[in-house]
Amino acid sequence: TRRNPCEAKPVFVPLVEPDWHFDADLR
């Protein structure tokens, strides 16, 4: 909800439980 001064489109990459790692392919 924060103001986005550069009007960038957010792209969300989930962290995977239980150790909260990120999938390199997804990234």
PDB file of all heavy atoms in Angstrom:
ATOM      1  N   THR A   1       0.798  -1.218   0.000  1.00  0.00           N
ATOM      2  CA  THR A   1       0.000   0.000   0.000  1.00  0.00           C
ATOM      3  C   THR A   1       0.836   1.276   0.000  1.00  0.00           C
ATOM      4  O   THR A   1       0.298   2.352  -0.181  1.00  0.00           O
ATOM      5  CB  THR A   1      -0.946   0.027   1.228  1.00  0.00           C
ATOM      6  OG1 THR A   1      -0.171  -0.055   2.414  1.00  0.00           O
ATOM      7  CG2 THR A   1      -1.935  -1.123   1.175  1.00  0.00           C
ATOM      8  N   ARG A   2       2.137   1.146   0.196  1.00  0.00           N
ATOM      9  CA  ARG A   2       2.992   2.346   0.170  1.00  0.00           C
ATOM     10  C   ARG A   2       2.967   2.988  -1.204  1.00  0.00           C
ATOM     11  O   ARG A   2       2.876   2.318  -2.223  1.00  0.00           O
ATOM     12  CB  ARG A   2       4.433   1.977   0.498  1.00  0.00           C
ATOM     13  CG  ARG A   2       4.676   1.931   1.939  1.00  0.00           C
ATOM     14  CD  ARG A   2       6.131   2.131   2.236  1.00  0.00           C
ATOM     15  NE  ARG A   2       6.249   2.095   3.669  1.00  0.00           N
ATOM     16  CZ  ARG A   2       7.229   1.540   4.320  1.00  0.00           C
ATOM     17  NH1 ARG A   2       8.206   0.979   3.678  1.00  0.00           N
ATOM     18  NH2 ARG A   2       7.234   1.547   5.626  1.00  0.00           N
ATOM     19  N   ARG A   3       3.130   4.283  -1.199  1.00  0.00           N
ATOM     20  CA  ARG A   3       3.189   5.018  -2.462  1.00  0.00           C
ATOM     21  C   ARG A   3       4.376   4.508  -3.273  1.00  0.00           C
ATOM     22  O   ARG A   3       5.455   4.300  -2.747  1.00  0.00           O
ATOM     23  CB  ARG A   3       3.353   6.510  -2.176  1.00  0.00           C
ATOM     24  CG  ARG A   3       3.279   7.328  -3.413  1.00  0.00           C
ATOM     25  CD  ARG A   3       3.168   8.807  -3.045  1.00  0.00           C
ATOM     26  NE  ARG A   3       3.233   9.577  -4.254  1.00  0.00           N
ATOM     27  CZ  ARG A   3       4.360  10.078  -4.755  1.00  0.00           C
ATOM     28  NH1 ARG A   3       5.510   9.893  -4.135  1.00  0.00           N
ATOM     29  NH2 ARG A   3       4.342  10.767  -5.869  1.00  0.00           N
ATOM     30  N   ASN A   4       4.167   4.320  -4.541  1.00  0.00           N
ATOM     31  CA  ASN A   4       5.178   3.784  -5.438  1.00  0.00           C
ATOM     32  C   ASN A   4       5.622   4.910  -6.373  1.00  0.00           C
ATOM     33  O   ASN A   4       5.057   5.074  -7.451  1.00  0.00           O
ATOM     34  CB  ASN A   4       4.568   2.603  -6.205  1.00  0.00           C
ATOM     35  CG  ASN A   4       5.568   1.888  -7.062  1.00  0.00           C
ATOM     36  OD1 ASN A   4       6.668   2.364  -7.288  1.00  0.00           O
ATOM     37  ND2 ASN A   4       5.166   0.744  -7.565  1.00  0.00           N
ATOM     38  N   PRO A   5       6.638   5.705  -5.997  1.00  0.00           N
ATOM     39  CA  PRO A   5       6.997   6.886  -6.779  1.00  0.00           C
ATOM     40  C   PRO A   5       7.473   6.576  -8.196  1.00  0.00           C
ATOM     41  O   PRO A   5       7.326   7.394  -9.102  1.00  0.00           O
ATOM     42  CB  PRO A   5       8.092   7.547  -5.961  1.00  0.00           C
ATOM     43  CG  PRO A   5       8.625   6.485  -5.078  1.00  0.00           C
ATOM     44  CD  PRO A   5       7.499   5.522  -4.851  1.00  0.00           C
ATOM     45  N   CYS A   6       8.017   5.392  -8.417  1.00  0.00           N
ATOM     46  CA  CYS A   6       8.489   5.059  -9.766  1.00  0.00           C
ATOM     47  C   CYS A   6       7.442   4.274 -10.547  1.00  0.00           C
ATOM     48  O   CYS A   6       7.701   3.859 -11.670  1.00  0.00           O
ATOM     49  CB  CYS A   6       9.805   4.302  -9.694  1.00  0.00           C
ATOM     50  SG  CYS A   6       9.709   2.761  -8.786  1.00  0.00           S
ATOM     51  N   GLU A   7       6.278   4.070  -9.944  1.00  0.00           N
ATOM     52  CA  GLU A   7       5.175   3.353 -10.578  1.00  0.00           C
ATOM     53  C   GLU A   7       5.577   1.968 -11.077  1.00  0.00           C
ATOM     54  O   GLU A   7       5.113   1.497 -12.114  1.00  0.00           O
ATOM     55  CB  GLU A   7       4.570   4.191 -11.704  1.00  0.00           C
ATOM     56  CG  GLU A   7       3.981   5.499 -11.208  1.00  0.00           C
ATOM     57  CD  GLU A   7       3.368   6.335 -12.298  1.00  0.00           C
ATOM     58  OE1 GLU A   7       3.229   5.852 -13.439  1.00  0.00           O
ATOM     59  OE2 GLU A   7       3.034   7.485 -12.008  1.00  0.00           O
ATOM     60  N   ALA A   8       6.451   1.320 -10.328  1.00  0.00           N
ATOM     61  CA  ALA A   8       6.903  -0.024 -10.690  1.00  0.00           C
ATOM     62  C   ALA A   8       5.803  -1.041 -10.415  1.00  0.00           C
ATOM     63  O   ALA A   8       5.095  -0.952  -9.424  1.00  0.00           O
ATOM     64  CB  ALA A   8       8.151  -0.383  -9.893  1.00  0.00           C
ATOM     65  N   LYS A   9       5.670  -2.002 -11.318  1.00  0.00           N
ATOM     66  CA  LYS A   9       4.701  -3.076 -11.126  1.00  0.00           C
ATOM     67  C   LYS A   9       5.332  -4.146 -10.230  1.00  0.00           C
ATOM     68  O   LYS A   9       6.368  -4.709 -10.570  1.00  0.00           O
ATOM     69  CB  LYS A   9       4.343  -3.690 -12.470  1.00  0.00           C
ATOM     70  CG  LYS A   9       3.394  -4.861 -12.357  1.00  0.00           C
ATOM     71  CD  LYS A   9       3.184  -5.520 -13.693  1.00  0.00           C
ATOM     72  CE  LYS A   9       2.410  -6.817 -13.479  1.00  0.00           C
ATOM     73  NZ  LYS A   9       2.649  -7.766 -14.540  1.00  0.00           N
ATOM     74  N   PRO A  10       4.727  -4.429  -9.071  1.00  0.00           N
ATOM     75  CA  PRO A  10       5.302  -5.455  -8.198  1.00  0.00           C
ATOM     76  C   PRO A  10       5.104  -6.858  -8.758  1.00  0.00           C
ATOM     77  O   PRO A  10       4.050  -7.181  -9.296  1.00  0.00           O
ATOM     78  CB  PRO A  10       4.551  -5.273  -6.883  1.00  0.00           C
ATOM     79  CG  PRO A  10       3.307  -4.555  -7.231  1.00  0.00           C
ATOM     80  CD  PRO A  10       3.562  -3.791  -8.500  1.00  0.00           C
ATOM     81  N   VAL A  11       6.146  -7.668  -8.655  1.00  0.00           N
ATOM     82  CA  VAL A  11       6.101  -9.083  -9.020  1.00  0.00           C
ATOM     83  C   VAL A  11       6.494  -9.835  -7.759  1.00  0.00           C
ATOM     84  O   VAL A  11       7.553  -9.584  -7.179  1.00  0.00           O
ATOM     85  CB  VAL A  11       7.073  -9.404 -10.174  1.00  0.00           C
ATOM     86  CG1 VAL A  11       7.093 -10.886 -10.473  1.00  0.00           C
ATOM     87  CG2 VAL A  11       6.713  -8.590 -11.417  1.00  0.00           C
ATOM     88  N   PHE A  12       5.636 -10.755  -7.329  1.00  0.00           N
ATOM     89  CA  PHE A  12       5.833 -11.426  -6.051  1.00  0.00           C
ATOM     90  C   PHE A  12       6.462 -12.805  -6.237  1.00  0.00           C
ATOM     91  O   PHE A  12       6.008 -13.591  -7.053  1.00  0.00           O
ATOM     92  CB  PHE A  12       4.495 -11.531  -5.310  1.00  0.00           C
ATOM     93  CG  PHE A  12       3.864 -10.184  -5.115  1.00  0.00           C
ATOM     94  CD1 PHE A  12       2.808  -9.772  -5.921  1.00  0.00           C
ATOM     95  CD2 PHE A  12       4.343  -9.311  -4.166  1.00  0.00           C
ATOM     96  CE1 PHE A  12       2.236  -8.526  -5.763  1.00  0.00           C
ATOM     97  CE2 PHE A  12       3.784  -8.057  -3.997  1.00  0.00           C
ATOM     98  CZ  PHE A  12       2.725  -7.662  -4.791  1.00  0.00           C
ATOM     99  N   VAL A  13       7.520 -13.065  -5.472  1.00  0.00           N
ATOM    100  CA  VAL A  13       8.209 -14.355  -5.488  1.00  0.00           C
ATOM    101  C   VAL A  13       8.058 -14.950  -4.085  1.00  0.00           C
ATOM    102  O   VAL A  13       8.536 -14.373  -3.111  1.00  0.00           O
ATOM    103  CB  VAL A  13       9.697 -14.191  -5.848  1.00  0.00           C
ATOM    104  CG1 VAL A  13      10.437 -15.510  -5.715  1.00  0.00           C
ATOM    105  CG2 VAL A  13       9.835 -13.632  -7.260  1.00  0.00           C
ATOM    106  N   PRO A  14       7.381 -16.099  -3.977  1.00  0.00           N
ATOM    107  CA  PRO A  14       7.145 -16.668  -2.648  1.00  0.00           C
ATOM    108  C   PRO A  14       8.399 -17.317  -2.058  1.00  0.00           C
ATOM    109  O   PRO A  14       9.190 -17.931  -2.769  1.00  0.00           O
ATOM    110  CB  PRO A  14       6.069 -17.724  -2.902  1.00  0.00           C
ATOM    111  CG  PRO A  14       6.232 -18.096  -4.330  1.00  0.00           C
ATOM    112  CD  PRO A  14       6.733 -16.869  -5.039  1.00  0.00           C
ATOM    113  N   LEU A  15       8.546 -17.148  -0.753  1.00  0.00           N
ATOM    114  CA  LEU A  15       9.545 -17.902  -0.002  1.00  0.00           C
ATOM    115  C   LEU A  15       8.866 -19.184   0.457  1.00  0.00           C
ATOM    116  O   LEU A  15       7.694 -19.176   0.803  1.00  0.00           O
ATOM    117  CB  LEU A  15      10.027 -17.092   1.201  1.00  0.00           C
ATOM    118  CG  LEU A  15      10.765 -15.804   0.864  1.00  0.00           C
ATOM    119  CD1 LEU A  15      11.121 -15.051   2.146  1.00  0.00           C
ATOM    120  CD2 LEU A  15      12.007 -16.077   0.043  1.00  0.00           C
ATOM    121  N   VAL A  16       9.610 -20.288   0.427  1.00  0.00           N
ATOM    122  CA  VAL A  16       9.036 -21.605   0.691  1.00  0.00           C
ATOM    123  C   VAL A  16       9.306 -22.022   2.136  1.00  0.00           C
ATOM    124  O   VAL A  16      10.457 -22.043   2.585  1.00  0.00           O
ATOM    125  CB  VAL A  16       9.615 -22.656  -0.289  1.00  0.00           C
ATOM    126  CG1 VAL A  16       8.963 -24.007  -0.078  1.00  0.00           C
ATOM    127  CG2 VAL A  16       9.434 -22.189  -1.734  1.00  0.00           C
ATOM    128  N   GLU A  17       8.208 -22.344   2.843  1.00  0.00           N
ATOM    129  CA  GLU A  17       8.330 -22.836   4.222  1.00  0.00           C
ATOM    130  C   GLU A  17       8.865 -24.258   4.225  1.00  0.00           C
ATOM    131  O   GLU A  17       8.759 -24.935   3.221  1.00  0.00           O
ATOM    132  CB  GLU A  17       6.957 -22.816   4.887  1.00  0.00           C
ATOM    133  CG  GLU A  17       6.421 -21.422   5.117  1.00  0.00           C
ATOM    134  CD  GLU A  17       5.110 -21.438   5.872  1.00  0.00           C
ATOM    135  OE1 GLU A  17       5.143 -21.830   7.058  1.00  0.00           O
ATOM    136  OE2 GLU A  17       4.094 -21.094   5.275  1.00  0.00           O
ATOM    137  N   PRO A  18       9.437 -24.769   5.254  1.00  0.00           N
ATOM    138  CA  PRO A  18       9.573 -24.183   6.583  1.00  0.00           C
ATOM    139  C   PRO A  18      10.836 -23.355   6.758  1.00  0.00           C
ATOM    140  O   PRO A  18      10.971 -22.621   7.721  1.00  0.00           O
ATOM    141  CB  PRO A  18       9.621 -25.398   7.509  1.00  0.00           C
ATOM    142  CG  PRO A  18      10.315 -26.441   6.700  1.00  0.00           C
ATOM    143  CD  PRO A  18       9.859 -26.182   5.269  1.00  0.00           C
ATOM    144  N   ASP A  19      11.799 -23.435   5.807  1.00  0.00           N
ATOM    145  CA  ASP A  19      13.061 -22.704   6.001  1.00  0.00           C
ATOM    146  C   ASP A  19      13.093 -21.373   5.255  1.00  0.00           C
ATOM    147  O   ASP A  19      14.099 -20.683   5.264  1.00  0.00           O
ATOM    148  CB  ASP A  19      14.251 -23.570   5.603  1.00  0.00           C
ATOM    149  CG  ASP A  19      14.225 -23.950   4.128  1.00  0.00           C
ATOM    150  OD1 ASP A  19      13.217 -23.689   3.446  1.00  0.00           O
ATOM    151  OD2 ASP A  19      15.221 -24.506   3.651  1.00  0.00           O
ATOM    152  N   TRP A  20      12.005 -21.015   4.586  1.00  0.00           N
ATOM    153  CA  TRP A  20      11.838 -19.720   3.909  1.00  0.00           C
ATOM    154  C   TRP A  20      12.868 -19.484   2.809  1.00  0.00           C
ATOM    155  O   TRP A  20      13.311 -18.371   2.598  1.00  0.00           O
ATOM    156  CB  TRP A  20      11.845 -18.575   4.930  1.00  0.00           C
ATOM    157  CG  TRP A  20      10.773 -18.727   5.940  1.00  0.00           C
ATOM    158  CD1 TRP A  20      10.931 -19.146   7.225  1.00  0.00           C
ATOM    159  CD2 TRP A  20       9.372 -18.520   5.760  1.00  0.00           C
ATOM    160  NE1 TRP A  20       9.713 -19.205   7.858  1.00  0.00           N
ATOM    161  CE2 TRP A  20       8.730 -18.820   6.974  1.00  0.00           C
ATOM    162  CE3 TRP A  20       8.586 -18.106   4.678  1.00  0.00           C
ATOM    163  CZ2 TRP A  20       7.363 -18.728   7.156  1.00  0.00           C
ATOM    164  CZ3 TRP A  20       7.216 -18.018   4.869  1.00  0.00           C
ATOM    165  CH2 TRP A  20       6.625 -18.318   6.090  1.00  0.00           C
ATOM    166  N   HIS A  21      13.223 -20.538   2.072  1.00  0.00           N
ATOM    167  CA  HIS A  21      14.136 -20.360   0.943  1.00  0.00           C
ATOM    168  C   HIS A  21      13.343 -19.903  -0.275  1.00  0.00           C
ATOM    169  O   HIS A  21      12.122 -20.007  -0.313  1.00  0.00           O
ATOM    170  CB  HIS A  21      14.889 -21.662   0.639  1.00  0.00           C
ATOM    171  CG  HIS A  21      14.037 -22.724   0.011  1.00  0.00           C
ATOM    172  ND1 HIS A  21      13.201 -23.551   0.748  1.00  0.00           N
ATOM    173  CD2 HIS A  21      13.866 -23.074  -1.289  1.00  0.00           C
ATOM    174  CE1 HIS A  21      12.565 -24.372  -0.073  1.00  0.00           C
ATOM    175  NE2 HIS A  21      12.957 -24.104  -1.311  1.00  0.00           N
ATOM    176  N   PHE A  22      14.021 -19.398  -1.278  1.00  0.00           N
ATOM    177  CA  PHE A  22      13.339 -19.059  -2.522  1.00  0.00           C
ATOM    178  C   PHE A  22      13.792 -20.004  -3.613  1.00  0.00           C
ATOM    179  O   PHE A  22      14.922 -20.448  -3.645  1.00  0.00           O
ATOM    180  CB  PHE A  22      13.533 -17.592  -2.934  1.00  0.00           C
ATOM    181  CG  PHE A  22      14.965 -17.149  -3.022  1.00  0.00           C
ATOM    182  CD1 PHE A  22      15.728 -17.384  -4.150  1.00  0.00           C
ATOM    183  CD2 PHE A  22      15.544 -16.472  -1.971  1.00  0.00           C
ATOM    184  CE1 PHE A  22      17.037 -16.962  -4.228  1.00  0.00           C
ATOM    185  CE2 PHE A  22      16.850 -16.033  -2.033  1.00  0.00           C
ATOM    186  CZ  PHE A  22      17.598 -16.289  -3.160  1.00  0.00           C
ATOM    187  N   ASP A  23      12.861 -20.325  -4.467  1.00  0.00           N
ATOM    188  CA  ASP A  23      13.111 -21.234  -5.581  1.00  0.00           C
ATOM    189  C   ASP A  23      13.826 -20.443  -6.677  1.00  0.00           C
ATOM    190  O   ASP A  23      13.285 -19.474  -7.202  1.00  0.00           O
ATOM    191  CB  ASP A  23      11.768 -21.778  -6.081  1.00  0.00           C
ATOM    192  CG  ASP A  23      11.930 -22.757  -7.205  1.00  0.00           C
ATOM    193  OD1 ASP A  23      12.429 -22.334  -8.281  1.00  0.00           O
ATOM    194  OD2 ASP A  23      11.557 -23.915  -7.041  1.00  0.00           O
ATOM    195  N   ALA A  24      15.052 -20.860  -7.013  1.00  0.00           N
ATOM    196  CA  ALA A  24      15.854 -20.118  -7.986  1.00  0.00           C
ATOM    197  C   ALA A  24      15.165 -20.022  -9.347  1.00  0.00           C
ATOM    198  O   ALA A  24      15.223 -18.986 -10.001  1.00  0.00           O
ATOM    199  CB  ALA A  24      17.228 -20.772  -8.134  1.00  0.00           C
ATOM    200  N   ASP A  25      14.486 -21.077  -9.786  1.00  0.00           N
ATOM    201  CA  ASP A  25      13.800 -21.046 -11.078  1.00  0.00           C
ATOM    202  C   ASP A  25      12.652 -20.051 -11.068  1.00  0.00           C
ATOM    203  O   ASP A  25      12.452 -19.310 -12.026  1.00  0.00           O
ATOM    204  CB  ASP A  25      13.277 -22.434 -11.453  1.00  0.00           C
ATOM    205  CG  ASP A  25      14.401 -23.398 -11.777  1.00  0.00           C
ATOM    206  OD1 ASP A  25      15.471 -22.929 -12.209  1.00  0.00           O
ATOM    207  OD2 ASP A  25      14.208 -24.606 -11.587  1.00  0.00           O
ATOM    208  N   LEU A  26      11.911 -20.022  -9.983  1.00  0.00           N
ATOM    209  CA  LEU A  26      10.805 -19.083  -9.860  1.00  0.00           C
ATOM    210  C   LEU A  26      11.308 -17.651  -9.897  1.00  0.00           C
ATOM    211  O   LEU A  26      10.747 -16.787 -10.547  1.00  0.00           O
ATOM    212  CB  LEU A  26      10.084 -19.330  -8.531  1.00  0.00           C
ATOM    213  CG  LEU A  26       8.600 -19.608  -8.652  1.00  0.00           C
ATOM    214  CD1 LEU A  26       8.161 -20.537  -7.556  1.00  0.00           C
ATOM    215  CD2 LEU A  26       7.839 -18.322  -8.586  1.00  0.00           C
ATOM    216  N   ARG A  27      12.404 -17.412  -9.198  1.00  0.00           N
ATOM    217  CA  ARG A  27      12.992 -16.075  -9.167  1.00  0.00           C
ATOM    218  C   ARG A  27      13.461 -15.664 -10.557  1.00  0.00           C
ATOM    219  O   ARG A  27      13.235 -14.541 -10.992  1.00  0.00           O
ATOM    220  CB  ARG A  27      14.145 -16.048  -8.172  1.00  0.00           C
ATOM    221  CG  ARG A  27      14.666 -14.649  -7.911  1.00  0.00           C
ATOM    222  CD  ARG A  27      15.927 -14.674  -7.053  1.00  0.00           C
ATOM    223  NE  ARG A  27      17.030 -15.202  -7.823  1.00  0.00           N
ATOM    224  CZ  ARG A  27      17.614 -16.374  -7.627  1.00  0.00           C
ATOM    225  NH1 ARG A  27      17.197 -17.174  -6.687  1.00  0.00           N
ATOM    226  NH2 ARG A  27      18.619 -16.764  -8.370  1.00  0.00           N
TER     227      ARG A  27
END
